[in-house]
All heavy atoms as atom14 arrays in JSON, in Angstrom:
{
  "sequence": "LSTGITAALGVPSQVILIILMFLGRIGPMAIAIALAK",
  "atom14_mask": [
    [1, 1, 1, 1, 1, 1, 1, 1, 0, 0, 0, 0, 0, 0],
    [1, 1, 1, 1, 1, 1, 0, 0, 0, 0, 0, 0, 0, 0],
    [1, 1, 1, 1, 1, 1, 1, 0, 0, 0, 0, 0, 0, 0],
    [1, 1, 1, 1, 0, 0, 0, 0, 0, 0, 0, 0, 0, 0],
    [1, 1, 1, 1, 1, 1, 1, 1, 0, 0, 0, 0, 0, 0],
    [1, 1, 1, 1, 1, 1, 1, 0, 0, 0, 0, 0, 0, 0],
    [1, 1, 1, 1, 1, 0, 0, 0, 0, 0, 0, 0, 0, 0],
    [1, 1, 1, 1, 1, 0, 0, 0, 0, 0, 0, 0, 0, 0],
    [1, 1, 1, 1, 1, 1, 1, 1, 0, 0, 0, 0, 0, 0],
    [1, 1, 1, 1, 0, 0, 0, 0, 0, 0, 0, 0, 0, 0],
    [1, 1, 1, 1, 1, 1, 1, 0, 0, 0, 0, 0, 0, 0],
    [1, 1, 1, 1, 1, 1, 1, 0, 0, 0, 0, 0, 0, 0],
    [1, 1, 1, 1, 1, 1, 0, 0, 0, 0, 0, 0, 0, 0],
    [1, 1, 1, 1, 1, 1, 1, 1, 1, 0, 0, 0, 0, 0],
    [1, 1, 1, 1, 1, 1, 1, 0, 0, 0, 0, 0, 0, 0],
    [1, 1, 1, 1, 1, 1, 1, 1, 0, 0, 0, 0, 0, 0],
    [1, 1, 1, 1, 1, 1, 1, 1, 0, 0, 0, 0, 0, 0],
    [1, 1, 1, 1, 1, 1, 1, 1, 0, 0, 0, 0, 0, 0],
    [1, 1, 1, 1, 1, 1, 1, 1, 0, 0, 0, 0, 0, 0],
    [1, 1, 1, 1, 1, 1, 1, 1, 0, 0, 0, 0, 0, 0],
    [1, 1, 1, 1, 1, 1, 1, 1, 0, 0, 0, 0, 0, 0],
    [1, 1, 1, 1, 1, 1, 1, 1, 1, 1, 1, 0, 0, 0],
    [1, 1, 1, 1, 1, 1, 1, 1, 0, 0, 0, 0, 0, 0],
    [1, 1, 1, 1, 0, 0, 0, 0, 0, 0, 0, 0, 0, 0],
    [1, 1, 1, 1, 1, 1, 1, 1, 1, 1, 1, 0, 0, 0],
    [1, 1, 1, 1, 1, 1, 1, 1, 0, 0, 0, 0, 0, 0],
    [1, 1, 1, 1, 0, 0, 0, 0, 0, 0, 0, 0, 0, 0],
    [1, 1, 1, 1, 1, 1, 1, 0, 0, 0, 0, 0, 0, 0],
    [1, 1, 1, 1, 1, 1, 1, 1, 0, 0, 0, 0, 0, 0],
    [1, 1, 1, 1, 1, 0, 0, 0, 0, 0, 0, 0, 0, 0],
    [1, 1, 1, 1, 1, 1, 1, 1, 0, 0, 0, 0, 0, 0],
    [1, 1, 1, 1, 1, 0, 0, 0, 0, 0, 0, 0, 0, 0],
    [1, 1, 1, 1, 1, 1, 1, 1, 0, 0, 0, 0, 0, 0],
    [1, 1, 1, 1, 1, 0, 0, 0, 0, 0, 0, 0, 0, 0],
    [1, 1, 1, 1, 1, 1, 1, 1, 0, 0, 0, 0, 0, 0],
    [1, 1, 1, 1, 1, 0, 0, 0, 0, 0, 0, 0, 0, 0],
    [1, 1, 1, 1, 1, 1, 1, 1, 1, 0, 0, 0, 0, 0]
  ],
  "atom14_positions": [
    [[115.07, 119.7, 127.8], [116.11, 120.45, 127.11], [116.68, 119.6, 125.97], [116.76, 118.38, 126.08], [117.24, 120.83, 128.07], [116.89, 121.86, 129.14], [118.04, 122.01, 130.14], [116.57, 123.21, 128.51], [0.0, 0.0, 0.0], [0.0, 0.0, 0.0], [0.0, 0.0, 0.0], [0.0, 0.0, 0.0], [0.0, 0.0, 0.0], [0.0, 0.0, 0.0]],
    [[117.08, 120.26, 124.9], [117.6, 119.54, 123.74], [118.6, 120.4, 123.0], [118.48, 121.63, 122.97], [116.45, 119.14, 122.8], [116.94, 118.54, 121.62], [0.0, 0.0, 0.0], [0.0, 0.0, 0.0], [0.0, 0.0, 0.0], [0.0, 0.0, 0.0], [0.0, 0.0, 0.0], [0.0, 0.0, 0.0], [0.0, 0.0, 0.0], [0.0, 0.0, 0.0]],
    [[119.57, 119.75, 122.39], [120.53, 120.44, 121.54], [119.98, 120.61, 120.13], [120.69, 121.06, 119.23], [121.87, 119.7, 121.5], [121.65, 118.34, 121.06], [122.52, 119.69, 122.87], [0.0, 0.0, 0.0], [0.0, 0.0, 0.0], [0.0, 0.0, 0.0], [0.0, 0.0, 0.0], [0.0, 0.0, 0.0], [0.0, 0.0, 0.0], [0.0, 0.0, 0.0]],
    [[118.71, 120.22, 119.93], [118.05, 120.4, 118.65], [118.01, 119.19, 117.76], [117.71, 119.3, 116.56], [0.0, 0.0, 0.0], [0.0, 0.0, 0.0], [0.0, 0.0, 0.0], [0.0, 0.0, 0.0], [0.0, 0.0, 0.0], [0.0, 0.0, 0.0], [0.0, 0.0, 0.0], [0.0, 0.0, 0.0], [0.0, 0.0, 0.0], [0.0, 0.0, 0.0]],
    [[118.28, 118.01, 118.32], [118.37, 116.81, 117.48], [117.12, 115.94, 117.56], [117.04, 114.93, 116.86], [119.6, 115.96, 117.86], [119.42, 115.34, 119.26], [120.86, 116.79, 117.81], [120.51, 114.36, 119.62], [0.0, 0.0, 0.0], [0.0, 0.0, 0.0], [0.0, 0.0, 0.0], [0.0, 0.0, 0.0], [0.0, 0.0, 0.0], [0.0, 0.0, 0.0]],
    [[116.14, 116.3, 118.38], [114.98, 115.43, 118.61], [114.26, 115.07, 117.31], [113.97, 113.89, 117.06], [113.99, 116.1, 119.57], [114.68, 116.53, 120.74], [112.9, 115.13, 119.97], [0.0, 0.0, 0.0], [0.0, 0.0, 0.0], [0.0, 0.0, 0.0], [0.0, 0.0, 0.0], [0.0, 0.0, 0.0], [0.0, 0.0, 0.0], [0.0, 0.0, 0.0]],
    [[113.97, 116.07, 116.5], [113.2, 115.83, 115.28], [113.99, 115.02, 114.25], [113.38, 114.33, 113.42], [112.76, 117.15, 114.67], [0.0, 0.0, 0.0], [0.0, 0.0, 0.0], [0.0, 0.0, 0.0], [0.0, 0.0, 0.0], [0.0, 0.0, 0.0], [0.0, 0.0, 0.0], [0.0, 0.0, 0.0], [0.0, 0.0, 0.0], [0.0, 0.0, 0.0]],
    [[115.33, 115.08, 114.32], [116.16, 114.42, 113.31], [116.64, 113.04, 113.74], [117.38, 112.39, 113.0], [117.37, 115.3, 112.99], [0.0, 0.0, 0.0], [0.0, 0.0, 0.0], [0.0, 0.0, 0.0], [0.0, 0.0, 0.0], [0.0, 0.0, 0.0], [0.0, 0.0, 0.0], [0.0, 0.0, 0.0], [0.0, 0.0, 0.0], [0.0, 0.0, 0.0]],
    [[116.22, 112.58, 114.9], [116.72, 111.31, 115.4], [116.22, 110.1, 114.62], [116.89, 109.09, 114.52], [116.32, 111.14, 116.88], [117.17, 111.88, 117.9], [116.56, 111.74, 119.28], [118.6, 111.36, 117.89], [0.0, 0.0, 0.0], [0.0, 0.0, 0.0], [0.0, 0.0, 0.0], [0.0, 0.0, 0.0], [0.0, 0.0, 0.0], [0.0, 0.0, 0.0]],
    [[115.03, 110.18, 114.05], [114.44, 109.02, 113.4], [113.47, 108.33, 114.34], [113.59, 108.41, 115.57], [0.0, 0.0, 0.0], [0.0, 0.0, 0.0], [0.0, 0.0, 0.0], [0.0, 0.0, 0.0], [0.0, 0.0, 0.0], [0.0, 0.0, 0.0], [0.0, 0.0, 0.0], [0.0, 0.0, 0.0], [0.0, 0.0, 0.0], [0.0, 0.0, 0.0]],
    [[112.52, 107.6, 113.76], [111.45, 106.99, 114.55], [111.97, 106.01, 115.6], [111.53, 106.05, 116.76], [110.43, 106.31, 113.62], [109.39, 105.53, 114.44], [109.72, 107.34, 112.74], [0.0, 0.0, 0.0], [0.0, 0.0, 0.0], [0.0, 0.0, 0.0], [0.0, 0.0, 0.0], [0.0, 0.0, 0.0], [0.0, 0.0, 0.0], [0.0, 0.0, 0.0]],
    [[112.9, 105.09, 115.28], [113.38, 104.15, 116.32], [113.94, 104.86, 117.55], [113.64, 104.49, 118.69], [114.45, 103.34, 115.6], [114.07, 103.41, 114.16], [113.51, 104.79, 113.97], [0.0, 0.0, 0.0], [0.0, 0.0, 0.0], [0.0, 0.0, 0.0], [0.0, 0.0, 0.0], [0.0, 0.0, 0.0], [0.0, 0.0, 0.0], [0.0, 0.0, 0.0]],
    [[114.75, 105.88, 117.33], [115.32, 106.63, 118.46], [114.25, 107.4, 119.21], [114.3, 107.51, 120.44], [116.4, 107.58, 117.96], [117.47, 106.89, 117.36], [0.0, 0.0, 0.0], [0.0, 0.0, 0.0], [0.0, 0.0, 0.0], [0.0, 0.0, 0.0], [0.0, 0.0, 0.0], [0.0, 0.0, 0.0], [0.0, 0.0, 0.0], [0.0, 0.0, 0.0]],
    [[113.28, 107.94, 118.48], [112.19, 108.67, 119.13], [111.34, 107.75, 119.99], [110.87, 108.14, 121.06], [111.34, 109.37, 118.07], [112.05, 110.53, 117.39], [111.32, 111.08, 116.18], [110.28, 110.53, 115.78], [111.82, 112.14, 115.59], [0.0, 0.0, 0.0], [0.0, 0.0, 0.0], [0.0, 0.0, 0.0], [0.0, 0.0, 0.0], [0.0, 0.0, 0.0]],
    [[111.15, 106.51, 119.55], [110.41, 105.54, 120.35], [111.18, 105.24, 121.64], [110.58, 105.11, 122.72], [110.18, 104.24, 119.55], [109.63, 103.14, 120.45], [109.22, 104.5, 118.4], [0.0, 0.0, 0.0], [0.0, 0.0, 0.0], [0.0, 0.0, 0.0], [0.0, 0.0, 0.0], [0.0, 0.0, 0.0], [0.0, 0.0, 0.0], [0.0, 0.0, 0.0]],
    [[112.49, 105.17, 121.55], [113.31, 104.95, 122.76], [113.13, 106.11, 123.73], [113.01, 105.91, 124.95], [114.79, 104.78, 122.37], [114.98, 103.48, 121.6], [115.67, 104.78, 123.62], [116.39, 103.29, 121.07], [0.0, 0.0, 0.0], [0.0, 0.0, 0.0], [0.0, 0.0, 0.0], [0.0, 0.0, 0.0], [0.0, 0.0, 0.0], [0.0, 0.0, 0.0]],
    [[113.1, 107.34, 123.2], [112.9, 108.51, 124.07], [111.52, 108.48, 124.69], [111.35, 108.88, 125.86], [113.09, 109.79, 123.26], [114.49, 110.08, 122.72], [114.52, 111.44, 122.03], [115.53, 110.03, 123.83], [0.0, 0.0, 0.0], [0.0, 0.0, 0.0], [0.0, 0.0, 0.0], [0.0, 0.0, 0.0], [0.0, 0.0, 0.0], [0.0, 0.0, 0.0]],
    [[110.52, 108.01, 123.96], [109.16, 107.89, 124.51], [109.16, 106.94, 125.7], [108.59, 107.24, 126.75], [108.19, 107.39, 123.42], [107.93, 108.5, 122.39], [106.87, 106.93, 124.04], [107.11, 108.04, 121.2], [0.0, 0.0, 0.0], [0.0, 0.0, 0.0], [0.0, 0.0, 0.0], [0.0, 0.0, 0.0], [0.0, 0.0, 0.0], [0.0, 0.0, 0.0]],
    [[109.83, 105.81, 125.54], [109.91, 104.83, 126.64], [110.65, 105.43, 127.83], [110.24, 105.26, 128.99], [110.62, 103.55, 126.16], [109.79, 102.87, 125.06], [110.86, 102.59, 127.33], [110.5, 101.7, 124.4], [0.0, 0.0, 0.0], [0.0, 0.0, 0.0], [0.0, 0.0, 0.0], [0.0, 0.0, 0.0], [0.0, 0.0, 0.0], [0.0, 0.0, 0.0]],
    [[111.72, 106.17, 127.56], [112.49, 106.78, 128.64], [111.66, 107.82, 129.39], [111.72, 107.89, 130.63], [113.75, 107.45, 128.07], [114.88, 106.52, 127.64], [115.97, 107.32, 126.96], [115.45, 105.77, 128.84], [0.0, 0.0, 0.0], [0.0, 0.0, 0.0], [0.0, 0.0, 0.0], [0.0, 0.0, 0.0], [0.0, 0.0, 0.0], [0.0, 0.0, 0.0]],
    [[110.89, 108.63, 128.67], [110.05, 109.64, 129.33], [109.02, 108.97, 130.23], [108.79, 109.43, 131.35], [109.37, 110.52, 128.28], [110.3, 111.5, 127.58], [109.45, 112.7, 126.51], [108.92, 111.66, 125.15], [0.0, 0.0, 0.0], [0.0, 0.0, 0.0], [0.0, 0.0, 0.0], [0.0, 0.0, 0.0], [0.0, 0.0, 0.0], [0.0, 0.0, 0.0]],
    [[108.42, 107.9, 129.74], [107.41, 107.19, 130.54], [108.06, 106.57, 131.77], [107.53, 106.68, 132.89], [106.73, 106.12, 129.69], [105.47, 105.58, 130.29], [104.27, 106.25, 130.13], [105.48, 104.4, 131.02], [103.1, 105.76, 130.69], [104.32, 103.9, 131.58], [103.12, 104.58, 131.41], [0.0, 0.0, 0.0], [0.0, 0.0, 0.0], [0.0, 0.0, 0.0]],
    [[109.22, 105.93, 131.58], [109.93, 105.35, 132.71], [110.34, 106.42, 133.72], [110.23, 106.23, 134.93], [111.18, 104.61, 132.23], [110.98, 103.26, 131.55], [112.3, 102.77, 130.97], [110.42, 102.23, 132.52], [0.0, 0.0, 0.0], [0.0, 0.0, 0.0], [0.0, 0.0, 0.0], [0.0, 0.0, 0.0], [0.0, 0.0, 0.0], [0.0, 0.0, 0.0]],
    [[110.83, 107.54, 133.19], [111.3, 108.6, 134.08], [110.18, 109.22, 134.89], [110.4, 109.64, 136.03], [0.0, 0.0, 0.0], [0.0, 0.0, 0.0], [0.0, 0.0, 0.0], [0.0, 0.0, 0.0], [0.0, 0.0, 0.0], [0.0, 0.0, 0.0], [0.0, 0.0, 0.0], [0.0, 0.0, 0.0], [0.0, 0.0, 0.0], [0.0, 0.0, 0.0]],
    [[108.97, 109.33, 134.32], [107.86, 109.93, 135.04], [107.29, 108.97, 136.09], [107.06, 109.35, 137.23], [106.75, 110.33, 134.06], [105.53, 110.96, 134.72], [105.92, 112.14, 135.58], [104.79, 112.71, 136.28], [104.88, 113.48, 137.34], [106.06, 113.78, 137.86], [103.8, 113.97, 137.93], [0.0, 0.0, 0.0], [0.0, 0.0, 0.0], [0.0, 0.0, 0.0]],
    [[107.09, 107.72, 135.71], [106.54, 106.75, 136.65], [107.57, 106.41, 137.71], [107.24, 106.2, 138.88], [106.1, 105.47, 135.92], [105.09, 105.81, 134.83], [105.49, 104.48, 136.9], [103.84, 106.5, 135.32], [0.0, 0.0, 0.0], [0.0, 0.0, 0.0], [0.0, 0.0, 0.0], [0.0, 0.0, 0.0], [0.0, 0.0, 0.0], [0.0, 0.0, 0.0]],
    [[108.81, 106.35, 137.32], [109.87, 106.04, 138.27], [110.33, 104.6, 138.12], [109.5, 103.7, 138.03], [0.0, 0.0, 0.0], [0.0, 0.0, 0.0], [0.0, 0.0, 0.0], [0.0, 0.0, 0.0], [0.0, 0.0, 0.0], [0.0, 0.0, 0.0], [0.0, 0.0, 0.0], [0.0, 0.0, 0.0], [0.0, 0.0, 0.0], [0.0, 0.0, 0.0]],
    [[111.65, 104.38, 138.08], [112.17, 103.02, 137.95], [111.67, 102.08, 139.04], [111.32, 100.93, 138.77], [113.69, 103.23, 138.06], [113.91, 104.64, 137.68], [112.71, 105.39, 138.15], [0.0, 0.0, 0.0], [0.0, 0.0, 0.0], [0.0, 0.0, 0.0], [0.0, 0.0, 0.0], [0.0, 0.0, 0.0], [0.0, 0.0, 0.0], [0.0, 0.0, 0.0]],
    [[111.6, 102.58, 140.27], [111.16, 101.73, 141.36], [109.69, 101.36, 141.2], [109.29, 100.2, 141.4], [111.38, 102.43, 142.7], [110.97, 101.61, 143.92], [111.95, 100.11, 144.1], [113.52, 100.79, 144.62], [0.0, 0.0, 0.0], [0.0, 0.0, 0.0], [0.0, 0.0, 0.0], [0.0, 0.0, 0.0], [0.0, 0.0, 0.0], [0.0, 0.0, 0.0]],
    [[108.85, 102.33, 140.83], [107.43, 102.05, 140.67], [107.19, 101.06, 139.53], [106.34, 100.18, 139.62], [106.66, 103.35, 140.4], [0.0, 0.0, 0.0], [0.0, 0.0, 0.0], [0.0, 0.0, 0.0], [0.0, 0.0, 0.0], [0.0, 0.0, 0.0], [0.0, 0.0, 0.0], [0.0, 0.0, 0.0], [0.0, 0.0, 0.0], [0.0, 0.0, 0.0]],
    [[107.97, 101.22, 138.44], [107.85, 100.29, 137.33], [108.23, 98.88, 137.77], [107.56, 97.89, 137.43], [108.73, 100.73, 136.15], [108.18, 102.01, 135.52], [108.84, 99.65, 135.1], [106.84, 101.83, 134.83], [0.0, 0.0, 0.0], [0.0, 0.0, 0.0], [0.0, 0.0, 0.0], [0.0, 0.0, 0.0], [0.0, 0.0, 0.0], [0.0, 0.0, 0.0]],
    [[109.31, 98.78, 138.52], [109.75, 97.47, 138.99], [108.69, 96.82, 139.88], [108.41, 95.63, 139.78], [111.07, 97.6, 139.75], [0.0, 0.0, 0.0], [0.0, 0.0, 0.0], [0.0, 0.0, 0.0], [0.0, 0.0, 0.0], [0.0, 0.0, 0.0], [0.0, 0.0, 0.0], [0.0, 0.0, 0.0], [0.0, 0.0, 0.0], [0.0, 0.0, 0.0]],
    [[108.07, 97.63, 140.74], [107.03, 97.1, 141.63], [105.8, 96.7, 140.82], [105.17, 95.67, 141.07], [106.65, 98.16, 142.69], [107.84, 98.41, 143.62], [105.44, 97.71, 143.5], [107.62, 99.54, 144.6], [0.0, 0.0, 0.0], [0.0, 0.0, 0.0], [0.0, 0.0, 0.0], [0.0, 0.0, 0.0], [0.0, 0.0, 0.0], [0.0, 0.0, 0.0]],
    [[105.45, 97.53, 139.83], [104.26, 97.25, 139.02], [104.41, 95.96, 138.23], [103.44, 95.24, 138.02], [103.99, 98.42, 138.08], [0.0, 0.0, 0.0], [0.0, 0.0, 0.0], [0.0, 0.0, 0.0], [0.0, 0.0, 0.0], [0.0, 0.0, 0.0], [0.0, 0.0, 0.0], [0.0, 0.0, 0.0], [0.0, 0.0, 0.0], [0.0, 0.0, 0.0]],
    [[105.63, 95.67, 137.78], [105.86, 94.48, 136.98], [106.01, 93.22, 137.82], [105.87, 92.11, 137.31], [107.1, 94.66, 136.1], [107.01, 95.76, 135.03], [108.32, 95.88, 134.28], [105.87, 95.47, 134.06], [0.0, 0.0, 0.0], [0.0, 0.0, 0.0], [0.0, 0.0, 0.0], [0.0, 0.0, 0.0], [0.0, 0.0, 0.0], [0.0, 0.0, 0.0]],
    [[106.32, 93.41, 139.08], [106.5, 92.26, 139.96], [105.15, 91.62, 140.28], [104.2, 92.3, 140.64], [107.19, 92.68, 141.25], [0.0, 0.0, 0.0], [0.0, 0.0, 0.0], [0.0, 0.0, 0.0], [0.0, 0.0, 0.0], [0.0, 0.0, 0.0], [0.0, 0.0, 0.0], [0.0, 0.0, 0.0], [0.0, 0.0, 0.0], [0.0, 0.0, 0.0]],
    [[105.04, 90.32, 140.12], [103.77, 89.64, 140.37], [103.45, 89.6, 141.86], [102.32, 89.74, 142.27], [103.83, 88.22, 139.8], [103.9, 88.18, 138.28], [103.89, 86.76, 137.78], [103.93, 86.7, 136.25], [103.93, 85.31, 135.75], [0.0, 0.0, 0.0], [0.0, 0.0, 0.0], [0.0, 0.0, 0.0], [0.0, 0.0, 0.0], [0.0, 0.0, 0.0]]
  ]
}
């Protein structure tokens, strides 16, 4: 869902949203486990 600002955010903000989507799908816990040696 969006209030319509996605396209106008600019590339840096869009990259942050890309990272958030990836984190949100994989899951914070899974990411933490994956990064742990």
